[in-house]
Amino acid sequence: MKDLYRQLIESTGDDITREGLVKTPARAAEAFEYLTQGYEKSIDEVVNEAIFESENDEMVIVQGIEFFSLCEHHLLPFFGQCHVGYIPDGKIVGLSKIARIVDVFARRLQVQETLTYQIACALRDTVGAQGVGVVVEAKHMCMMMRGVEKQGSTMKTSAMLGAFRSSDSTRNEFLSLIA
């Protein structure tokens, strides 16, 4: 990957032997590996058996989970917040594990629509929840830095599964609590 970054920089016409660029290919390769580390992790690995029996059947919400990802179309960052809610069905998951699930999928080349759905499905499958709701709000550098160059735009996506999809009152409760 380091050689590919060297070629990329050279293709711009810049001097790869210039002091500021000499170590850039190695740094860029290391950064890209870090930004895409979600491919190396599984949900089972990050949850690490932190699933617990519970009689609670009321909504659990983790709001404002910060994330960053890379747009699969332009390899530019998008970043924002993810709000996750679920209704347990006999099991709950450790609080930090929800944020780790978000990171597994965010640290891959992504589009926001897919990211949102993957988080919802992973949480549903992990705890067997009665329902899951996920809302993602993000700013996309591919829209802000190039193309239409709209710096104030925010994209919002949602995925509603189970009770969050079939029950208007459940969905509305979730949406009002994260508003």
C-alpha atoms as a PDB file:
ATOM      1  CA  MET A   1       0.000   0.000   0.000  1.00  0.00           C
ATOM      2  CA  LYS A   2       2.912   2.303   0.726  1.00  0.00           C
ATOM      3  CA  ASP A   3       4.095   1.970  -2.893  1.00  0.00           C
ATOM      4  CA  LEU A   4       0.609   2.754  -4.153  1.00  0.00           C
ATOM      5  CA  TYR A   5       0.520   5.961  -2.102  1.00  0.00           C
ATOM      6  CA  ARG A   6       3.963   6.883  -3.450  1.00  0.00           C
ATOM      7  CA  GLN A   7       2.658   6.404  -7.010  1.00  0.00           C
ATOM      8  CA  LEU A   8      -0.472   8.392  -6.246  1.00  0.00           C
ATOM      9  CA  ILE A   9       1.520  11.329  -4.895  1.00  0.00           C
ATOM     10  CA  GLU A  10       3.923  11.213  -7.838  1.00  0.00           C
ATOM     11  CA  SER A  11       0.963  11.216 -10.248  1.00  0.00           C
ATOM     12  CA  THR A  12      -0.028  14.659  -8.913  1.00  0.00           C
ATOM     13  CA  GLY A  13       3.292  16.014 -10.143  1.00  0.00           C
ATOM     14  CA  ASP A  14       4.655  16.663  -6.663  1.00  0.00           C
ATOM     15  CA  ASP A  15       8.160  15.657  -5.647  1.00  0.00           C
ATOM     16  CA  ILE A  16       8.042  12.533  -3.473  1.00  0.00           C
ATOM     17  CA  THR A  17      11.587  13.268  -2.249  1.00  0.00           C
ATOM     18  CA  ARG A  18      10.485  16.622  -0.814  1.00  0.00           C
ATOM     19  CA  GLU A  19      11.024  16.731   2.966  1.00  0.00           C
ATOM     20  CA  GLY A  20       7.313  16.930   3.811  1.00  0.00           C
ATOM     21  CA  LEU A  21       6.433  13.986   1.558  1.00  0.00           C
ATOM     22  CA  VAL A  22       9.253  11.502   2.134  1.00  0.00           C
ATOM     23  CA  LYS A  23       7.430   9.607   4.911  1.00  0.00           C
ATOM     24  CA  THR A  24       3.909  10.376   3.685  1.00  0.00           C
ATOM     25  CA  PRO A  25       3.365   7.083   1.792  1.00  0.00           C
ATOM     26  CA  ALA A  26       4.074   5.060   4.943  1.00  0.00           C
ATOM     27  CA  ARG A  27       1.952   7.341   7.126  1.00  0.00           C
ATOM     28  CA  ALA A  28      -0.926   7.289   4.615  1.00  0.00           C
ATOM     29  CA  ALA A  29      -0.837   3.492   4.339  1.00  0.00           C
ATOM     30  CA  GLU A  30      -0.900   3.163   8.134  1.00  0.00           C
ATOM     31  CA  ALA A  31      -3.793   5.636   8.377  1.00  0.00           C
ATOM     32  CA  PHE A  32      -5.797   3.835   5.682  1.00  0.00           C
ATOM     33  CA  GLU A  33      -5.318   0.502   7.443  1.00  0.00           C
ATOM     34  CA  TYR A  34      -6.578   2.085  10.661  1.00  0.00           C
ATOM     35  CA  LEU A  35      -9.572   3.693   8.952  1.00  0.00           C
ATOM     36  CA  THR A  36     -10.621   0.367   7.412  1.00  0.00           C
ATOM     37  CA  GLN A  37      -9.937  -1.921  10.380  1.00  0.00           C
ATOM     38  CA  GLY A  38     -13.620  -2.905  10.509  1.00  0.00           C
ATOM     39  CA  TYR A  39     -12.917  -5.583   7.911  1.00  0.00           C
ATOM     40  CA  GLU A  40     -10.706  -7.376  10.422  1.00  0.00           C
ATOM     41  CA  LYS A  41     -13.291  -7.479  13.216  1.00  0.00           C
ATOM     42  CA  SER A  42     -16.395  -9.545  13.728  1.00  0.00           C
ATOM     43  CA  ILE A  43     -19.440  -8.694  15.804  1.00  0.00           C
ATOM     44  CA  ASP A  44     -18.809 -11.716  18.047  1.00  0.00           C
ATOM     45  CA  GLU A  45     -15.273 -10.466  18.677  1.00  0.00           C
ATOM     46  CA  VAL A  46     -16.302  -6.946  19.699  1.00  0.00           C
ATOM     47  CA  VAL A  47     -19.313  -8.045  21.752  1.00  0.00           C
ATOM     48  CA  ASN A  48     -17.024 -10.530  23.521  1.00  0.00           C
ATOM     49  CA  GLU A  49     -19.839 -12.412  25.275  1.00  0.00           C
ATOM     50  CA  ALA A  50     -21.106  -9.228  26.982  1.00  0.00           C
ATOM     51  CA  ILE A  51     -24.710 -10.381  26.614  1.00  0.00           C
ATOM     52  CA  PHE A  52     -26.699 -10.707  29.806  1.00  0.00           C
ATOM     53  CA  GLU A  53     -30.046 -12.158  30.795  1.00  0.00           C
ATOM     54  CA  SER A  54     -32.588  -9.470  31.642  1.00  0.00           C
ATOM     55  CA  GLU A  55     -36.279  -9.220  32.392  1.00  0.00           C
ATOM     56  CA  ASN A  56     -36.327  -5.685  30.992  1.00  0.00           C
ATOM     57  CA  ASP A  57     -38.565  -5.330  27.986  1.00  0.00           C
ATOM     58  CA  GLU A  58     -38.482  -1.537  27.818  1.00  0.00           C
ATOM     59  CA  MET A  59     -36.622   0.480  25.224  1.00  0.00           C
ATOM     60  CA  VAL A  60     -32.864   0.922  25.640  1.00  0.00           C
ATOM     61  CA  ILE A  61     -31.260   3.832  23.764  1.00  0.00           C
ATOM     62  CA  VAL A  62     -27.670   4.895  23.240  1.00  0.00           C
ATOM     63  CA  GLN A  63     -27.634   8.335  21.677  1.00  0.00           C
ATOM     64  CA  GLY A  64     -24.875  10.421  20.131  1.00  0.00           C
ATOM     65  CA  ILE A  65     -22.375   7.677  19.263  1.00  0.00           C
ATOM     66  CA  GLU A  66     -19.746   9.528  17.260  1.00  0.00           C
ATOM     67  CA  PHE A  67     -18.341   7.785  14.210  1.00  0.00           C
ATOM     68  CA  PHE A  68     -16.354   8.389  11.079  1.00  0.00           C
ATOM     69  CA  SER A  69     -16.224   6.377   7.909  1.00  0.00           C
ATOM     70  CA  LEU A  70     -14.953   6.544   4.335  1.00  0.00           C
ATOM     71  CA  CYS A  71     -17.334   6.933   1.420  1.00  0.00           C
ATOM     72  CA  GLU A  72     -16.917   3.966  -0.884  1.00  0.00           C
ATOM     73  CA  HIS A  73     -17.508   6.154  -3.937  1.00  0.00           C
ATOM     74  CA  HIS A  74     -14.780   8.783  -3.394  1.00  0.00           C
ATOM     75  CA  LEU A  75     -12.755   7.506  -0.415  1.00  0.00           C
ATOM     76  CA  LEU A  76     -13.531  10.745   1.387  1.00  0.00           C
ATOM     77  CA  PRO A  77     -14.654  10.863   5.020  1.00  0.00           C
ATOM     78  CA  PHE A  78     -18.171  11.129   6.307  1.00  0.00           C
ATOM     79  CA  PHE A  79     -18.792  11.544  10.002  1.00  0.00           C
ATOM     80  CA  GLY A  80     -21.493  12.222  12.513  1.00  0.00           C
ATOM     81  CA  GLN A  81     -23.599  10.615  15.189  1.00  0.00           C
ATOM     82  CA  CYS A  82     -25.504   7.382  15.449  1.00  0.00           C
ATOM     83  CA  HIS A  83     -28.513   6.842  17.725  1.00  0.00           C
ATOM     84  CA  VAL A  84     -29.412   3.240  18.524  1.00  0.00           C
ATOM     85  CA  GLY A  85     -32.425   1.872  20.351  1.00  0.00           C
ATOM     86  CA  TYR A  86     -33.657  -1.645  20.976  1.00  0.00           C
ATOM     87  CA  ILE A  87     -36.292  -3.502  22.932  1.00  0.00           C
ATOM     88  CA  PRO A  88     -34.774  -6.487  24.745  1.00  0.00           C
ATOM     89  CA  ASP A  89     -36.336  -9.912  24.529  1.00  0.00           C
ATOM     90  CA  GLY A  90     -34.691 -11.587  27.515  1.00  0.00           C
ATOM     91  CA  LYS A  91     -31.176 -10.338  26.806  1.00  0.00           C
ATOM     92  CA  ILE A  92     -29.276  -7.062  26.891  1.00  0.00           C
ATOM     93  CA  VAL A  93     -25.834  -6.180  25.577  1.00  0.00           C
ATOM     94  CA  GLY A  94     -23.126  -4.224  27.376  1.00  0.00           C
ATOM     95  CA  LEU A  95     -23.456  -0.498  26.696  1.00  0.00           C
ATOM     96  CA  SER A  96     -20.020   0.011  25.141  1.00  0.00           C
ATOM     97  CA  LYS A  97     -20.622  -2.918  22.795  1.00  0.00           C
ATOM     98  CA  ILE A  98     -23.256  -0.930  20.914  1.00  0.00           C
ATOM     99  CA  ALA A  99     -20.649   1.732  20.128  1.00  0.00           C
ATOM    100  CA  ARG A 100     -18.216  -1.006  19.100  1.00  0.00           C
ATOM    101  CA  ILE A 101     -20.808  -2.473  16.721  1.00  0.00           C
ATOM    102  CA  VAL A 102     -21.151   0.963  15.130  1.00  0.00           C
ATOM    103  CA  ASP A 103     -17.370   1.149  14.701  1.00  0.00           C
ATOM    104  CA  VAL A 104     -17.094  -2.301  13.091  1.00  0.00           C
ATOM    105  CA  PHE A 105     -19.267  -1.160  10.198  1.00  0.00           C
ATOM    106  CA  ALA A 106     -18.147   2.492  10.118  1.00  0.00           C
ATOM    107  CA  ARG A 107     -14.514   1.423   9.742  1.00  0.00           C
ATOM    108  CA  ARG A 108     -15.182  -0.041   6.307  1.00  0.00           C
ATOM    109  CA  LEU A 109     -15.655   1.579   2.922  1.00  0.00           C
ATOM    110  CA  GLN A 110     -19.322   2.499   3.175  1.00  0.00           C
ATOM    111  CA  VAL A 111     -22.404   4.370   2.161  1.00  0.00           C
ATOM    112  CA  GLN A 112     -24.502   5.743   4.990  1.00  0.00           C
ATOM    113  CA  GLU A 113     -27.648   3.885   3.968  1.00  0.00           C
ATOM    114  CA  THR A 114     -25.892   0.518   4.233  1.00  0.00           C
ATOM    115  CA  LEU A 115     -24.085   1.478   7.439  1.00  0.00           C
ATOM    116  CA  THR A 116     -27.402   2.262   9.140  1.00  0.00           C
ATOM    117  CA  TYR A 117     -28.987  -1.034   8.133  1.00  0.00           C
ATOM    118  CA  GLN A 118     -25.918  -3.117   9.038  1.00  0.00           C
ATOM    119  CA  ILE A 119     -25.845  -1.687  12.570  1.00  0.00           C
ATOM    120  CA  ALA A 120     -29.552  -2.435  13.070  1.00  0.00           C
ATOM    121  CA  CYS A 121     -29.287  -6.010  11.786  1.00  0.00           C
ATOM    122  CA  ALA A 122     -26.165  -6.745  13.823  1.00  0.00           C
ATOM    123  CA  LEU A 123     -27.761  -5.574  17.057  1.00  0.00           C
ATOM    124  CA  ARG A 124     -30.991  -7.467  16.325  1.00  0.00           C
ATOM    125  CA  ASP A 125     -29.076 -10.656  15.571  1.00  0.00           C
ATOM    126  CA  THR A 126     -26.739 -10.261  18.560  1.00  0.00           C
ATOM    127  CA  VAL A 127     -29.359  -9.894  21.287  1.00  0.00           C
ATOM    128  CA  GLY A 128     -32.475 -11.244  19.595  1.00  0.00           C
ATOM    129  CA  ALA A 129     -34.210  -7.923  20.231  1.00  0.00           C
ATOM    130  CA  GLN A 130     -37.950  -7.475  19.728  1.00  0.00           C
ATOM    131  CA  GLY A 131     -37.084  -4.432  17.678  1.00  0.00           C
ATOM    132  CA  VAL A 132     -34.208  -2.150  16.755  1.00  0.00           C
ATOM    133  CA  GLY A 133     -34.117   1.452  15.602  1.00  0.00           C
ATOM    134  CA  VAL A 134     -31.041   3.199  14.242  1.00  0.00           C
ATOM    135  CA  VAL A 135     -30.771   6.805  13.079  1.00  0.00           C
ATOM    136  CA  VAL A 136     -27.537   8.107  11.579  1.00  0.00           C
ATOM    137  CA  GLU A 137     -26.837  11.798  10.972  1.00  0.00           C
ATOM    138  CA  ALA A 138     -23.687  12.620   9.027  1.00  0.00           C
ATOM    139  CA  LYS A 139     -21.782  15.195   7.052  1.00  0.00           C
ATOM    140  CA  HIS A 140     -20.155  13.954   3.868  1.00  0.00           C
ATOM    141  CA  MET A 141     -16.886  15.447   2.671  1.00  0.00           C
ATOM    142  CA  CYS A 142     -17.619  14.128  -0.829  1.00  0.00           C
ATOM    143  CA  MET A 143     -20.531  16.555  -0.906  1.00  0.00           C
ATOM    144  CA  MET A 144     -18.804  19.356   0.984  1.00  0.00           C
ATOM    145  CA  MET A 145     -15.355  19.452  -0.692  1.00  0.00           C
ATOM    146  CA  ARG A 146     -16.222  18.564  -4.274  1.00  0.00           C
ATOM    147  CA  GLY A 147     -19.204  18.339  -6.579  1.00  0.00           C
ATOM    148  CA  VAL A 148     -22.007  20.556  -5.276  1.00  0.00           C
ATOM    149  CA  GLU A 149     -19.868  21.871  -2.364  1.00  0.00           C
ATOM    150  CA  LYS A 150     -22.694  22.214   0.158  1.00  0.00           C
ATOM    151  CA  GLN A 151     -21.011  22.637   3.548  1.00  0.00           C
ATOM    152  CA  GLY A 152     -24.215  22.953   5.568  1.00  0.00           C
ATOM    153  CA  SER A 153     -25.834  19.737   4.396  1.00  0.00           C
ATOM    154  CA  THR A 154     -26.487  16.787   6.679  1.00  0.00           C
ATOM    155  CA  MET A 155     -27.746  13.380   5.644  1.00  0.00           C
ATOM    156  CA  LYS A 156     -30.077  11.423   7.921  1.00  0.00           C
ATOM    157  CA  THR A 157     -30.878   7.741   7.500  1.00  0.00           C
ATOM    158  CA  SER A 158     -32.878   5.330   9.591  1.00  0.00           C
ATOM    159  CA  ALA A 159     -33.403   1.605   9.883  1.00  0.00           C
ATOM    160  CA  MET A 160     -36.385   0.306  11.833  1.00  0.00           C
ATOM    161  CA  LEU A 161     -36.675  -3.427  12.454  1.00  0.00           C
ATOM    162  CA  GLY A 162     -39.230  -5.542  14.308  1.00  0.00           C
ATOM    163  CA  ALA A 163     -41.363  -3.562  16.754  1.00  0.00           C
ATOM    164  CA  PHE A 164     -39.792  -0.288  15.587  1.00  0.00           C
ATOM    165  CA  ARG A 165     -41.183  -0.947  12.112  1.00  0.00           C
ATOM    166  CA  SER A 166     -44.519  -2.570  12.986  1.00  0.00           C
ATOM    167  CA  SER A 167     -45.571  -0.245  15.813  1.00  0.00           C
ATOM    168  CA  ASP A 168     -46.068   3.461  15.166  1.00  0.00           C
ATOM    169  CA  SER A 169     -46.027   4.190  18.902  1.00  0.00           C
ATOM    170  CA  THR A 170     -42.702   2.389  19.434  1.00  0.00           C
ATOM    171  CA  ARG A 171     -41.103   4.138  16.475  1.00  0.00           C
ATOM    172  CA  ASN A 172     -42.476   7.518  17.595  1.00  0.00           C
ATOM    173  CA  GLU A 173     -41.260   6.986  21.168  1.00  0.00           C
ATOM    174  CA  PHE A 174     -37.758   6.249  19.883  1.00  0.00           C
ATOM    175  CA  LEU A 175     -37.724   9.220  17.519  1.00  0.00           C
ATOM    176  CA  SER A 176     -39.031  11.609  20.177  1.00  0.00           C
ATOM    177  CA  LEU A 177     -36.438  10.434  22.720  1.00  0.00           C
ATOM    178  CA  ILE A 178     -33.512  11.016  20.351  1.00  0.00           C
ATOM    179  CA  ALA A 179     -34.839  14.378  19.079  1.00  0.00           C
END
